[in-house]
mmCIF file of all heavy atoms, coordinates in Angstrom:
data_MODEL
# 
_entry.id   MODEL 
# 
loop_
_atom_site.group_PDB 
_atom_site.id 
_atom_site.type_symbol 
_atom_site.label_atom_id 
_atom_site.label_alt_id 
_atom_site.label_comp_id 
_atom_site.label_asym_id 
_atom_site.label_entity_id 
_atom_site.label_seq_id 
_atom_site.pdbx_PDB_ins_code 
_atom_site.Cartn_x 
_atom_site.Cartn_y 
_atom_site.Cartn_z 
_atom_site.occupancy 
_atom_site.B_iso_or_equiv 
_atom_site.pdbx_formal_charge 
_atom_site.auth_seq_id 
_atom_site.auth_comp_id 
_atom_site.auth_asym_id 
_atom_site.auth_atom_id 
_atom_site.pdbx_PDB_model_num 
ATOM 1   N N   . MET A 1 1  ? -0.405 8.854  -17.970 1.00 0.00 ? 1  MET A N   1 
ATOM 2   C CA  . MET A 1 1  ? 0.161  7.463  -17.695 1.00 0.00 ? 1  MET A CA  1 
ATOM 3   C C   . MET A 1 1  ? 1.757  7.492  -17.745 1.00 0.00 ? 1  MET A C   1 
ATOM 4   O O   . MET A 1 1  ? 2.290  6.517  -17.356 1.00 0.00 ? 1  MET A O   1 
ATOM 5   C CB  . MET A 1 1  ? -0.468 6.456  -18.563 1.00 0.00 ? 1  MET A CB  1 
ATOM 6   C CG  . MET A 1 1  ? -1.881 6.108  -18.264 1.00 0.00 ? 1  MET A CG  1 
ATOM 7   S SD  . MET A 1 1  ? -2.162 5.811  -16.463 1.00 0.00 ? 1  MET A SD  1 
ATOM 8   C CE  . MET A 1 1  ? -1.170 4.381  -16.243 1.00 0.00 ? 1  MET A CE  1 
ATOM 9   N N   . THR A 1 2  ? 2.383  8.553  -18.116 1.00 0.00 ? 2  THR A N   1 
ATOM 10  C CA  . THR A 1 2  ? 3.748  8.569  -18.164 1.00 0.00 ? 2  THR A CA  1 
ATOM 11  C C   . THR A 1 2  ? 4.240  8.876  -16.628 1.00 0.00 ? 2  THR A C   1 
ATOM 12  O O   . THR A 1 2  ? 5.405  8.800  -16.332 1.00 0.00 ? 2  THR A O   1 
ATOM 13  C CB  . THR A 1 2  ? 4.275  9.632  -19.032 1.00 0.00 ? 2  THR A CB  1 
ATOM 14  O OG1 . THR A 1 2  ? 3.743  10.947 -18.693 1.00 0.00 ? 2  THR A OG1 1 
ATOM 15  C CG2 . THR A 1 2  ? 3.996  9.259  -20.432 1.00 0.00 ? 2  THR A CG2 1 
ATOM 16  N N   . GLN A 1 3  ? 3.245  9.289  -15.860 1.00 0.00 ? 3  GLN A N   1 
ATOM 17  C CA  . GLN A 1 3  ? 3.617  9.692  -14.462 1.00 0.00 ? 3  GLN A CA  1 
ATOM 18  C C   . GLN A 1 3  ? 3.149  8.587  -13.507 1.00 0.00 ? 3  GLN A C   1 
ATOM 19  O O   . GLN A 1 3  ? 1.967  8.339  -13.522 1.00 0.00 ? 3  GLN A O   1 
ATOM 20  C CB  . GLN A 1 3  ? 2.968  11.108 -14.147 1.00 0.00 ? 3  GLN A CB  1 
ATOM 21  C CG  . GLN A 1 3  ? 3.229  11.441 -12.669 1.00 0.00 ? 3  GLN A CG  1 
ATOM 22  C CD  . GLN A 1 3  ? 2.402  12.754 -12.395 1.00 0.00 ? 3  GLN A CD  1 
ATOM 23  O OE1 . GLN A 1 3  ? 1.588  13.160 -13.114 1.00 0.00 ? 3  GLN A OE1 1 
ATOM 24  N NE2 . GLN A 1 3  ? 2.700  13.306 -11.240 1.00 0.00 ? 3  GLN A NE2 1 
ATOM 25  N N   . GLY A 1 4  ? 4.008  8.019  -12.672 1.00 0.00 ? 4  GLY A N   1 
ATOM 26  C CA  . GLY A 1 4  ? 3.690  7.002  -11.831 1.00 0.00 ? 4  GLY A CA  1 
ATOM 27  C C   . GLY A 1 4  ? 3.393  7.646  -10.445 1.00 0.00 ? 4  GLY A C   1 
ATOM 28  O O   . GLY A 1 4  ? 3.446  8.823  -10.267 1.00 0.00 ? 4  GLY A O   1 
ATOM 29  N N   . LEU A 1 5  ? 3.238  6.790  -9.429  1.00 0.00 ? 5  LEU A N   1 
ATOM 30  C CA  . LEU A 1 5  ? 2.952  7.155  -8.101  1.00 0.00 ? 5  LEU A CA  1 
ATOM 31  C C   . LEU A 1 5  ? 3.296  6.110  -7.164  1.00 0.00 ? 5  LEU A C   1 
ATOM 32  O O   . LEU A 1 5  ? 3.245  4.948  -7.521  1.00 0.00 ? 5  LEU A O   1 
ATOM 33  C CB  . LEU A 1 5  ? 1.344  7.452  -8.048  1.00 0.00 ? 5  LEU A CB  1 
ATOM 34  C CG  . LEU A 1 5  ? 0.720  7.689  -6.707  1.00 0.00 ? 5  LEU A CG  1 
ATOM 35  C CD1 . LEU A 1 5  ? 1.149  8.988  -6.043  1.00 0.00 ? 5  LEU A CD1 1 
ATOM 36  C CD2 . LEU A 1 5  ? -0.731 7.449  -6.747  1.00 0.00 ? 5  LEU A CD2 1 
ATOM 37  N N   . THR A 1 6  ? 3.832  6.443  -6.063  1.00 0.00 ? 6  THR A N   1 
ATOM 38  C CA  . THR A 1 6  ? 4.003  5.362  -4.953  1.00 0.00 ? 6  THR A CA  1 
ATOM 39  C C   . THR A 1 6  ? 3.112  5.641  -3.834  1.00 0.00 ? 6  THR A C   1 
ATOM 40  O O   . THR A 1 6  ? 3.069  6.765  -3.271  1.00 0.00 ? 6  THR A O   1 
ATOM 41  C CB  . THR A 1 6  ? 5.556  5.400  -4.521  1.00 0.00 ? 6  THR A CB  1 
ATOM 42  O OG1 . THR A 1 6  ? 6.375  5.050  -5.573  1.00 0.00 ? 6  THR A OG1 1 
ATOM 43  C CG2 . THR A 1 6  ? 5.779  4.484  -3.306  1.00 0.00 ? 6  THR A CG2 1 
ATOM 44  N N   . LEU A 1 7  ? 2.345  4.582  -3.518  1.00 0.00 ? 7  LEU A N   1 
ATOM 45  C CA  . LEU A 1 7  ? 1.550  4.605  -2.143  1.00 0.00 ? 7  LEU A CA  1 
ATOM 46  C C   . LEU A 1 7  ? 2.404  3.853  -1.222  1.00 0.00 ? 7  LEU A C   1 
ATOM 47  O O   . LEU A 1 7  ? 2.767  2.621  -1.428  1.00 0.00 ? 7  LEU A O   1 
ATOM 48  C CB  . LEU A 1 7  ? 0.349  3.893  -2.406  1.00 0.00 ? 7  LEU A CB  1 
ATOM 49  C CG  . LEU A 1 7  ? -0.828 4.568  -3.233  1.00 0.00 ? 7  LEU A CG  1 
ATOM 50  C CD1 . LEU A 1 7  ? -2.057 3.661  -3.456  1.00 0.00 ? 7  LEU A CD1 1 
ATOM 51  C CD2 . LEU A 1 7  ? -1.294 5.833  -2.502  1.00 0.00 ? 7  LEU A CD2 1 
ATOM 52  N N   . TRP A 1 8  ? 2.790  4.418  -0.130  1.00 0.00 ? 8  TRP A N   1 
ATOM 53  C CA  . TRP A 1 8  ? 3.702  3.903  0.876   1.00 0.00 ? 8  TRP A CA  1 
ATOM 54  C C   . TRP A 1 8  ? 2.867  3.580  2.075   1.00 0.00 ? 8  TRP A C   1 
ATOM 55  O O   . TRP A 1 8  ? 2.544  4.477  2.914   1.00 0.00 ? 8  TRP A O   1 
ATOM 56  C CB  . TRP A 1 8  ? 4.897  4.796  1.142   1.00 0.00 ? 8  TRP A CB  1 
ATOM 57  C CG  . TRP A 1 8  ? 5.915  4.125  1.949   1.00 0.00 ? 8  TRP A CG  1 
ATOM 58  C CD1 . TRP A 1 8  ? 5.992  3.865  3.258   1.00 0.00 ? 8  TRP A CD1 1 
ATOM 59  C CD2 . TRP A 1 8  ? 7.109  3.698  1.345   1.00 0.00 ? 8  TRP A CD2 1 
ATOM 60  N NE1 . TRP A 1 8  ? 7.174  3.259  3.596   1.00 0.00 ? 8  TRP A NE1 1 
ATOM 61  C CE2 . TRP A 1 8  ? 7.935  3.100  2.406   1.00 0.00 ? 8  TRP A CE2 1 
ATOM 62  C CE3 . TRP A 1 8  ? 7.592  3.554  0.194   1.00 0.00 ? 8  TRP A CE3 1 
ATOM 63  C CZ2 . TRP A 1 8  ? 9.267  2.513  2.240   1.00 0.00 ? 8  TRP A CZ2 1 
ATOM 64  C CZ3 . TRP A 1 8  ? 9.012  3.044  -0.101  1.00 0.00 ? 8  TRP A CZ3 1 
ATOM 65  C CH2 . TRP A 1 8  ? 9.669  2.539  0.983   1.00 0.00 ? 8  TRP A CH2 1 
ATOM 66  N N   . PHE A 1 9  ? 2.493  2.266  2.364   1.00 0.00 ? 9  PHE A N   1 
ATOM 67  C CA  . PHE A 1 9  ? 1.766  1.747  3.503   1.00 0.00 ? 9  PHE A CA  1 
ATOM 68  C C   . PHE A 1 9  ? 2.727  1.562  4.643   1.00 0.00 ? 9  PHE A C   1 
ATOM 69  O O   . PHE A 1 9  ? 3.588  0.697  4.560   1.00 0.00 ? 9  PHE A O   1 
ATOM 70  C CB  . PHE A 1 9  ? 1.067  0.503  3.214   1.00 0.00 ? 9  PHE A CB  1 
ATOM 71  C CG  . PHE A 1 9  ? 0.019  0.656  2.100   1.00 0.00 ? 9  PHE A CG  1 
ATOM 72  C CD1 . PHE A 1 9  ? 0.379  0.531  0.790   1.00 0.00 ? 9  PHE A CD1 1 
ATOM 73  C CD2 . PHE A 1 9  ? -1.377 0.812  2.478   1.00 0.00 ? 9  PHE A CD2 1 
ATOM 74  C CE1 . PHE A 1 9  ? -0.693 0.685  -0.216  1.00 0.00 ? 9  PHE A CE1 1 
ATOM 75  C CE2 . PHE A 1 9  ? -2.320 0.889  1.496   1.00 0.00 ? 9  PHE A CE2 1 
ATOM 76  C CZ  . PHE A 1 9  ? -1.962 0.959  0.147   1.00 0.00 ? 9  PHE A CZ  1 
ATOM 77  N N   . THR A 1 10 ? 2.643  2.308  5.763   1.00 0.00 ? 10 THR A N   1 
ATOM 78  C CA  . THR A 1 10 ? 3.451  2.145  6.881   1.00 0.00 ? 10 THR A CA  1 
ATOM 79  C C   . THR A 1 10 ? 2.668  1.958  8.081   1.00 0.00 ? 10 THR A C   1 
ATOM 80  O O   . THR A 1 10 ? 1.523  2.495  8.211   1.00 0.00 ? 10 THR A O   1 
ATOM 81  C CB  . THR A 1 10 ? 4.435  3.306  7.120   1.00 0.00 ? 10 THR A CB  1 
ATOM 82  O OG1 . THR A 1 10 ? 5.226  3.229  8.179   1.00 0.00 ? 10 THR A OG1 1 
ATOM 83  C CG2 . THR A 1 10 ? 3.675  4.686  7.088   1.00 0.00 ? 10 THR A CG2 1 
ATOM 84  N N   . GLY A 1 11 ? 3.201  1.165  9.044   1.00 0.00 ? 11 GLY A N   1 
ATOM 85  C CA  . GLY A 1 11 ? 2.501  0.906  10.326  1.00 0.00 ? 11 GLY A CA  1 
ATOM 86  C C   . GLY A 1 11 ? 3.174  -0.318 10.944  1.00 0.00 ? 11 GLY A C   1 
ATOM 87  O O   . GLY A 1 11 ? 4.054  -0.988 10.361  1.00 0.00 ? 11 GLY A O   1 
ATOM 88  N N   . LEU A 1 12 ? 2.677  -0.628 12.099  1.00 0.00 ? 12 LEU A N   1 
ATOM 89  C CA  . LEU A 1 12 ? 3.132  -1.768 12.865  1.00 0.00 ? 12 LEU A CA  1 
ATOM 90  C C   . LEU A 1 12 ? 2.932  -3.083 12.235  1.00 0.00 ? 12 LEU A C   1 
ATOM 91  O O   . LEU A 1 12 ? 2.026  -3.182 11.329  1.00 0.00 ? 12 LEU A O   1 
ATOM 92  C CB  . LEU A 1 12 ? 2.516  -1.894 14.274  1.00 0.00 ? 12 LEU A CB  1 
ATOM 93  C CG  . LEU A 1 12 ? 2.935  -0.752 15.249  1.00 0.00 ? 12 LEU A CG  1 
ATOM 94  C CD1 . LEU A 1 12 ? 2.030  -0.838 16.478  1.00 0.00 ? 12 LEU A CD1 1 
ATOM 95  C CD2 . LEU A 1 12 ? 4.410  -0.847 15.669  1.00 0.00 ? 12 LEU A CD2 1 
ATOM 96  N N   . SER A 1 13 ? 3.726  -4.173 12.489  1.00 0.00 ? 13 SER A N   1 
ATOM 97  C CA  . SER A 1 13 ? 3.338  -5.474 12.026  1.00 0.00 ? 13 SER A CA  1 
ATOM 98  C C   . SER A 1 13 ? 2.063  -5.876 12.485  1.00 0.00 ? 13 SER A C   1 
ATOM 99  O O   . SER A 1 13 ? 1.680  -5.642 13.579  1.00 0.00 ? 13 SER A O   1 
ATOM 100 C CB  . SER A 1 13 ? 4.459  -6.452 12.608  1.00 0.00 ? 13 SER A CB  1 
ATOM 101 O OG  . SER A 1 13 ? 4.265  -7.704 12.089  1.00 0.00 ? 13 SER A OG  1 
ATOM 102 N N   . GLY A 1 14 ? 1.252  -6.391 11.558  1.00 0.00 ? 14 GLY A N   1 
ATOM 103 C CA  . GLY A 1 14 ? -0.155 -6.773 11.970  1.00 0.00 ? 14 GLY A CA  1 
ATOM 104 C C   . GLY A 1 14 ? -1.198 -5.663 11.797  1.00 0.00 ? 14 GLY A C   1 
ATOM 105 O O   . GLY A 1 14 ? -2.391 -5.876 12.007  1.00 0.00 ? 14 GLY A O   1 
ATOM 106 N N   . ALA A 1 15 ? -0.771 -4.410 11.446  1.00 0.00 ? 15 ALA A N   1 
ATOM 107 C CA  . ALA A 1 15 ? -1.799 -3.325 11.335  1.00 0.00 ? 15 ALA A CA  1 
ATOM 108 C C   . ALA A 1 15 ? -2.701 -3.461 10.189  1.00 0.00 ? 15 ALA A C   1 
ATOM 109 O O   . ALA A 1 15 ? -3.799 -2.983 10.196  1.00 0.00 ? 15 ALA A O   1 
ATOM 110 C CB  . ALA A 1 15 ? -1.007 -2.000 11.262  1.00 0.00 ? 15 ALA A CB  1 
ATOM 111 N N   . GLY A 1 16 ? -2.179 -4.160 9.132   1.00 0.00 ? 16 GLY A N   1 
ATOM 112 C CA  . GLY A 1 16 ? -3.173 -4.434 7.879   1.00 0.00 ? 16 GLY A CA  1 
ATOM 113 C C   . GLY A 1 16 ? -2.503 -3.814 6.604   1.00 0.00 ? 16 GLY A C   1 
ATOM 114 O O   . GLY A 1 16 ? -3.239 -3.670 5.614   1.00 0.00 ? 16 GLY A O   1 
ATOM 115 N N   . LYS A 1 17 ? -1.166 -3.526 6.583   1.00 0.00 ? 17 LYS A N   1 
ATOM 116 C CA  . LYS A 1 17 ? -0.579 -2.905 5.451   1.00 0.00 ? 17 LYS A CA  1 
ATOM 117 C C   . LYS A 1 17 ? -0.740 -3.806 4.180   1.00 0.00 ? 17 LYS A C   1 
ATOM 118 O O   . LYS A 1 17 ? -1.218 -3.308 3.094   1.00 0.00 ? 17 LYS A O   1 
ATOM 119 C CB  . LYS A 1 17 ? 0.776  -2.661 5.681   1.00 0.00 ? 17 LYS A CB  1 
ATOM 120 C CG  . LYS A 1 17 ? 1.174  -1.690 6.804   1.00 0.00 ? 17 LYS A CG  1 
ATOM 121 C CD  . LYS A 1 17 ? 2.639  -1.567 7.050   1.00 0.00 ? 17 LYS A CD  1 
ATOM 122 C CE  . LYS A 1 17 ? 3.352  -2.849 7.468   1.00 0.00 ? 17 LYS A CE  1 
ATOM 123 N NZ  . LYS A 1 17 ? 2.921  -3.499 8.750   1.00 0.00 ? 17 LYS A NZ  1 
ATOM 124 N N   . THR A 1 18 ? -0.392 -4.991 4.368   1.00 0.00 ? 18 THR A N   1 
ATOM 125 C CA  . THR A 1 18 ? -0.444 -5.931 3.209   1.00 0.00 ? 18 THR A CA  1 
ATOM 126 C C   . THR A 1 18 ? -1.861 -6.171 2.688   1.00 0.00 ? 18 THR A C   1 
ATOM 127 O O   . THR A 1 18 ? -2.055 -6.181 1.540   1.00 0.00 ? 18 THR A O   1 
ATOM 128 C CB  . THR A 1 18 ? 0.360  -7.241 3.335   1.00 0.00 ? 18 THR A CB  1 
ATOM 129 O OG1 . THR A 1 18 ? 1.687  -6.862 3.761   1.00 0.00 ? 18 THR A OG1 1 
ATOM 130 C CG2 . THR A 1 18 ? 0.343  -8.160 2.233   1.00 0.00 ? 18 THR A CG2 1 
ATOM 131 N N   . THR A 1 19 ? -2.743 -6.309 3.598   1.00 0.00 ? 19 THR A N   1 
ATOM 132 C CA  . THR A 1 19 ? -4.155 -6.538 3.313   1.00 0.00 ? 19 THR A CA  1 
ATOM 133 C C   . THR A 1 19 ? -4.677 -5.440 2.456   1.00 0.00 ? 19 THR A C   1 
ATOM 134 O O   . THR A 1 19 ? -5.311 -5.516 1.354   1.00 0.00 ? 19 THR A O   1 
ATOM 135 C CB  . THR A 1 19 ? -5.021 -6.653 4.582   1.00 0.00 ? 19 THR A CB  1 
ATOM 136 O OG1 . THR A 1 19 ? -4.540 -7.848 5.313   1.00 0.00 ? 19 THR A OG1 1 
ATOM 137 C CG2 . THR A 1 19 ? -6.502 -6.801 4.246   1.00 0.00 ? 19 THR A CG2 1 
ATOM 138 N N   . LEU A 1 20 ? -4.407 -4.124 2.816   1.00 0.00 ? 20 LEU A N   1 
ATOM 139 C CA  . LEU A 1 20 ? -4.915 -2.975 2.129   1.00 0.00 ? 20 LEU A CA  1 
ATOM 140 C C   . LEU A 1 20 ? -4.144 -2.875 0.731   1.00 0.00 ? 20 LEU A C   1 
ATOM 141 O O   . LEU A 1 20 ? -4.745 -2.549 -0.115  1.00 0.00 ? 20 LEU A O   1 
ATOM 142 C CB  . LEU A 1 20 ? -4.636 -1.786 2.987   1.00 0.00 ? 20 LEU A CB  1 
ATOM 143 C CG  . LEU A 1 20 ? -5.513 -1.627 4.270   1.00 0.00 ? 20 LEU A CG  1 
ATOM 144 C CD1 . LEU A 1 20 ? -5.219 -0.280 5.076   1.00 0.00 ? 20 LEU A CD1 1 
ATOM 145 C CD2 . LEU A 1 20 ? -7.017 -1.790 3.996   1.00 0.00 ? 20 LEU A CD2 1 
ATOM 146 N N   . ASN A 1 21 ? -2.900 -3.104 0.801   1.00 0.00 ? 21 ASN A N   1 
ATOM 147 C CA  . ASN A 1 21 ? -2.080 -3.053 -0.415  1.00 0.00 ? 21 ASN A CA  1 
ATOM 148 C C   . ASN A 1 21 ? -2.727 -3.864 -1.443  1.00 0.00 ? 21 ASN A C   1 
ATOM 149 O O   . ASN A 1 21 ? -2.987 -3.513 -2.542  1.00 0.00 ? 21 ASN A O   1 
ATOM 150 C CB  . ASN A 1 21 ? -0.586 -3.476 -0.052  1.00 0.00 ? 21 ASN A CB  1 
ATOM 151 C CG  . ASN A 1 21 ? 0.314  -3.503 -1.337  1.00 0.00 ? 21 ASN A CG  1 
ATOM 152 O OD1 . ASN A 1 21 ? -0.105 -3.957 -2.380  1.00 0.00 ? 21 ASN A OD1 1 
ATOM 153 N ND2 . ASN A 1 21 ? 1.559  -3.142 -0.999  1.00 0.00 ? 21 ASN A ND2 1 
ATOM 154 N N   . ILE A 1 22 ? -3.001 -5.183 -1.287  1.00 0.00 ? 22 ILE A N   1 
ATOM 155 C CA  . ILE A 1 22 ? -3.500 -6.098 -2.186  1.00 0.00 ? 22 ILE A CA  1 
ATOM 156 C C   . ILE A 1 22 ? -4.887 -5.598 -2.556  1.00 0.00 ? 22 ILE A C   1 
ATOM 157 O O   . ILE A 1 22 ? -5.153 -5.681 -3.769  1.00 0.00 ? 22 ILE A O   1 
ATOM 158 C CB  . ILE A 1 22 ? -3.592 -7.526 -1.583  1.00 0.00 ? 22 ILE A CB  1 
ATOM 159 C CG1 . ILE A 1 22 ? -2.079 -8.091 -1.283  1.00 0.00 ? 22 ILE A CG1 1 
ATOM 160 C CG2 . ILE A 1 22 ? -4.418 -8.495 -2.361  1.00 0.00 ? 22 ILE A CG2 1 
ATOM 161 C CD1 . ILE A 1 22 ? -2.074 -9.354 -0.526  1.00 0.00 ? 22 ILE A CD1 1 
ATOM 162 N N   . ALA A 1 23 ? -5.749 -5.133 -1.736  1.00 0.00 ? 23 ALA A N   1 
ATOM 163 C CA  . ALA A 1 23 ? -7.062 -4.786 -2.100  1.00 0.00 ? 23 ALA A CA  1 
ATOM 164 C C   . ALA A 1 23 ? -6.953 -3.575 -3.039  1.00 0.00 ? 23 ALA A C   1 
ATOM 165 O O   . ALA A 1 23 ? -7.646 -3.502 -4.069  1.00 0.00 ? 23 ALA A O   1 
ATOM 166 C CB  . ALA A 1 23 ? -7.874 -4.488 -0.899  1.00 0.00 ? 23 ALA A CB  1 
ATOM 167 N N   . VAL A 1 24 ? -6.142 -2.618 -2.675  1.00 0.00 ? 24 VAL A N   1 
ATOM 168 C CA  . VAL A 1 24 ? -6.026 -1.353 -3.609  1.00 0.00 ? 24 VAL A CA  1 
ATOM 169 C C   . VAL A 1 24 ? -5.356 -1.757 -4.969  1.00 0.00 ? 24 VAL A C   1 
ATOM 170 O O   . VAL A 1 24 ? -5.828 -1.287 -5.999  1.00 0.00 ? 24 VAL A O   1 
ATOM 171 C CB  . VAL A 1 24 ? -5.166 -0.290 -2.810  1.00 0.00 ? 24 VAL A CB  1 
ATOM 172 C CG1 . VAL A 1 24 ? -4.813 0.792  -3.870  1.00 0.00 ? 24 VAL A CG1 1 
ATOM 173 C CG2 . VAL A 1 24 ? -5.888 0.215  -1.679  1.00 0.00 ? 24 VAL A CG2 1 
ATOM 174 N N   . ARG A 1 25 ? -4.399 -2.619 -4.815  1.00 0.00 ? 25 ARG A N   1 
ATOM 175 C CA  . ARG A 1 25 ? -3.724 -3.137 -6.105  1.00 0.00 ? 25 ARG A CA  1 
ATOM 176 C C   . ARG A 1 25 ? -4.855 -3.717 -7.062  1.00 0.00 ? 25 ARG A C   1 
ATOM 177 O O   . ARG A 1 25 ? -4.835 -3.379 -8.134  1.00 0.00 ? 25 ARG A O   1 
ATOM 178 C CB  . ARG A 1 25 ? -2.700 -4.175 -5.771  1.00 0.00 ? 25 ARG A CB  1 
ATOM 179 C CG  . ARG A 1 25 ? -2.060 -4.782 -7.113  1.00 0.00 ? 25 ARG A CG  1 
ATOM 180 C CD  . ARG A 1 25 ? -1.328 -6.079 -6.791  1.00 0.00 ? 25 ARG A CD  1 
ATOM 181 N NE  . ARG A 1 25 ? -2.355 -7.139 -6.404  1.00 0.00 ? 25 ARG A NE  1 
ATOM 182 C CZ  . ARG A 1 25 ? -2.163 -8.171 -5.775  1.00 0.00 ? 25 ARG A CZ  1 
ATOM 183 N NH1 . ARG A 1 25 ? -0.956 -8.443 -5.363  1.00 0.00 ? 25 ARG A NH1 1 
ATOM 184 N NH2 . ARG A 1 25 ? -3.087 -9.000 -5.460  1.00 0.00 ? 25 ARG A NH2 1 
# 
C-alpha cells in the first residue's frame, strides 16, 4: 500500500473515459 498507481484513461471526447473511471474507482 505504500506504492500507488496511476490509471490514465485517454481517448476522444465522448469515448467513455469518465464513465469507466468512475466505475473502476
